[in-house]
Each structure stands twice: as C-alpha cells, then as structure tokens.
Amino acid sequence: EEMVELAIRIDDRDRTAFITYEQITREPDQTLSYLTNFLELSSPLTREYGLGRTTGRQAWGDPSERIFSGTIDLRQKKSVPLPSPVAEEADKVCCSACEELIRLSYISAGPGLT
C-alpha cells in the first residue's frame, strides 16, 4: 500500500518503475538491462552489488543470509506456507497493489509482465 501511495504522489509514469522479485531472479539480465535504459544510466546494472552497513538489517531490504553473497541469487527459495486465511488476504492485497503499480508505472509491460 505504501508503494502505491508513493506512485500516486509522484504522479509521473516517466519517473516510476515497477519490477517484481520474480523478474529480478528469473530474468535478471533482461530486467537489469530494462532498468538501465529506464534510468538512463551510463554504465549497465549487473548481477553483482556492493555490501553496505545496512545490508541484511531488518527494515532495510532482504534480511536473509542470501543478501551477503554480493550477487543476485537465482536459486529458488522454499518458503514456509502461511495459514490459509492469512495467505488469501495477503494474495488479495498483493494482487491489488501490483495491478495498481503496473497501471501507474512506466514498466507496465517490462520483462516477465507481458
């Protein structure tokens, strides 16, 4: 919901991009190339990244140990299933937010979304 609110406040499709975890982990090269072009970067984004003082800390992104590898981890992770009512509500909220972010963002037909 916070990401949707932010996209609404920005109110400029040319300044908002929406990508998913699945896009980054299933099609990293295509997704990173797309982001490089969207951001008009002079150097391409790569699978490797630097680690900072907040890397792996709660409330600052991915808190799992995988983040410390310094590269996008393409291995599929097994997740612990949520109780059914919680999972159903989470799916509803996620689908609604994704639909709205796709509508509000430039990368609505980016990699993995076509």
Protein backbone atom coordinates (compact mmCIF):
# COMPACT_ATOMS: atom_id res chain seq x y z
CA GLU A 1 0.00 0.00 0.00
CA GLU A 2 2.90 2.38 0.74
CA MET A 3 4.40 1.78 -2.71
CA VAL A 4 1.04 2.54 -4.35
CA GLU A 5 0.72 5.75 -2.31
CA LEU A 6 4.22 6.77 -3.36
CA ALA A 7 3.48 6.13 -7.05
CA ILE A 8 0.27 8.18 -6.74
CA ARG A 9 2.17 11.06 -5.09
CA ILE A 10 4.88 11.01 -7.79
CA ASP A 11 2.10 11.00 -10.42
CA ASP A 12 4.52 10.66 -13.33
CA ARG A 13 4.77 7.39 -15.29
CA ASP A 14 8.11 8.52 -16.70
CA ARG A 15 9.55 8.65 -13.16
CA THR A 16 8.10 5.43 -11.72
CA ALA A 17 9.12 1.87 -12.48
CA PHE A 18 7.65 -1.36 -11.18
CA ILE A 19 9.54 -4.66 -11.14
CA THR A 20 8.99 -7.81 -9.14
CA TYR A 21 11.25 -10.15 -7.22
CA GLU A 22 10.40 -12.81 -9.79
CA GLN A 23 11.58 -10.60 -12.65
CA ILE A 24 14.92 -9.95 -10.95
CA THR A 25 15.52 -13.60 -10.02
CA ARG A 26 14.13 -15.31 -13.14
CA GLU A 27 15.26 -12.85 -15.82
CA PRO A 28 17.98 -10.79 -14.14
CA ASP A 29 19.92 -9.76 -17.25
CA GLN A 30 16.83 -8.67 -19.16
CA THR A 31 15.35 -6.88 -16.13
CA LEU A 32 18.61 -5.10 -15.26
CA SER A 33 19.03 -4.03 -18.88
CA TYR A 34 15.49 -2.67 -18.87
CA LEU A 35 16.19 -0.74 -15.65
CA THR A 36 19.49 0.56 -17.02
CA ASN A 37 17.62 2.01 -20.01
CA PHE A 38 14.77 3.35 -17.87
CA LEU A 39 17.19 5.13 -15.53
CA GLU A 40 19.34 6.29 -18.48
CA LEU A 41 22.50 5.05 -16.75
CA SER A 42 25.88 5.43 -18.43
CA SER A 43 27.04 2.07 -17.00
CA PRO A 44 24.85 -1.04 -17.09
CA LEU A 45 23.45 -2.57 -13.91
CA THR A 46 24.89 -6.02 -13.17
CA ARG A 47 24.02 -9.01 -11.01
CA GLU A 48 26.81 -8.09 -8.59
CA TYR A 49 26.35 -5.46 -5.90
CA GLY A 50 28.30 -3.97 -3.03
CA LEU A 51 27.51 -4.56 0.62
CA GLY A 52 26.91 -1.61 2.92
CA ARG A 53 26.43 -1.03 6.62
CA THR A 54 22.68 -1.64 6.38
CA THR A 55 22.92 -4.75 4.20
CA GLY A 56 20.92 -7.59 5.76
CA ARG A 57 19.44 -5.47 8.54
CA GLN A 58 15.73 -5.59 9.31
CA ALA A 59 13.71 -2.78 7.69
CA TRP A 60 16.46 -2.21 5.09
CA GLY A 61 15.61 -4.83 2.47
CA ASP A 62 16.33 -8.54 2.38
CA PRO A 63 17.18 -9.75 5.93
CA SER A 64 18.20 -13.26 4.79
CA GLU A 65 21.74 -14.60 4.62
CA ARG A 66 21.50 -14.74 0.81
CA ILE A 67 21.91 -10.97 0.63
CA PHE A 68 25.54 -11.26 1.77
CA SER A 69 26.60 -13.11 -1.42
CA GLY A 70 27.03 -9.81 -3.29
CA THR A 71 25.22 -11.17 -6.34
CA ILE A 72 21.60 -11.79 -7.33
CA ASP A 73 20.86 -15.32 -6.12
CA LEU A 74 18.97 -17.24 -8.80
CA ARG A 75 18.25 -20.34 -6.69
CA GLN A 76 14.60 -20.83 -5.87
CA LYS A 77 13.93 -20.49 -2.16
CA LYS A 78 11.45 -22.71 -0.38
CA SER A 79 9.09 -20.66 1.71
CA VAL A 80 7.11 -21.54 4.78
CA PRO A 81 3.41 -21.61 3.88
CA LEU A 82 1.16 -19.10 5.63
CA PRO A 83 -2.07 -20.19 7.30
CA SER A 84 -4.81 -20.24 4.63
CA PRO A 85 -6.82 -17.15 5.73
CA VAL A 86 -3.62 -15.10 6.06
CA ALA A 87 -2.34 -16.29 2.67
CA GLU A 88 -5.64 -15.46 0.99
CA GLU A 89 -5.69 -11.94 2.43
CA ALA A 90 -2.01 -11.41 1.55
CA ASP A 91 -2.65 -12.57 -2.03
CA LYS A 92 -5.59 -10.17 -2.34
CA VAL A 93 -3.58 -7.19 -1.07
CA CYS A 94 -0.56 -8.10 -3.21
CA CYS A 95 -2.61 -8.55 -6.40
CA SER A 96 -4.42 -5.27 -5.86
CA ALA A 97 -1.18 -3.38 -5.20
CA CYS A 98 0.58 -4.97 -8.20
CA GLU A 99 -2.29 -4.09 -10.54
CA GLU A 100 -2.25 -0.50 -9.33
CA LEU A 101 1.54 -0.19 -9.56
CA ILE A 102 1.53 -1.62 -13.08
CA ARG A 103 -1.14 0.91 -14.06
CA LEU A 104 0.84 3.80 -12.55
CA SER A 105 4.32 2.79 -13.76
CA TYR A 106 6.33 3.05 -16.94
CA ILE A 107 7.44 -0.58 -16.86
CA SER A 108 3.94 -1.99 -17.08
CA ALA A 109 4.97 -4.30 -19.94
CA GLY A 110 8.52 -4.97 -18.77
CA PRO A 111 10.23 -8.34 -18.57
CA GLY A 112 8.03 -11.06 -17.16
CA LEU A 113 4.89 -8.92 -17.32
CA THR A 114 3.98 -9.34 -20.96
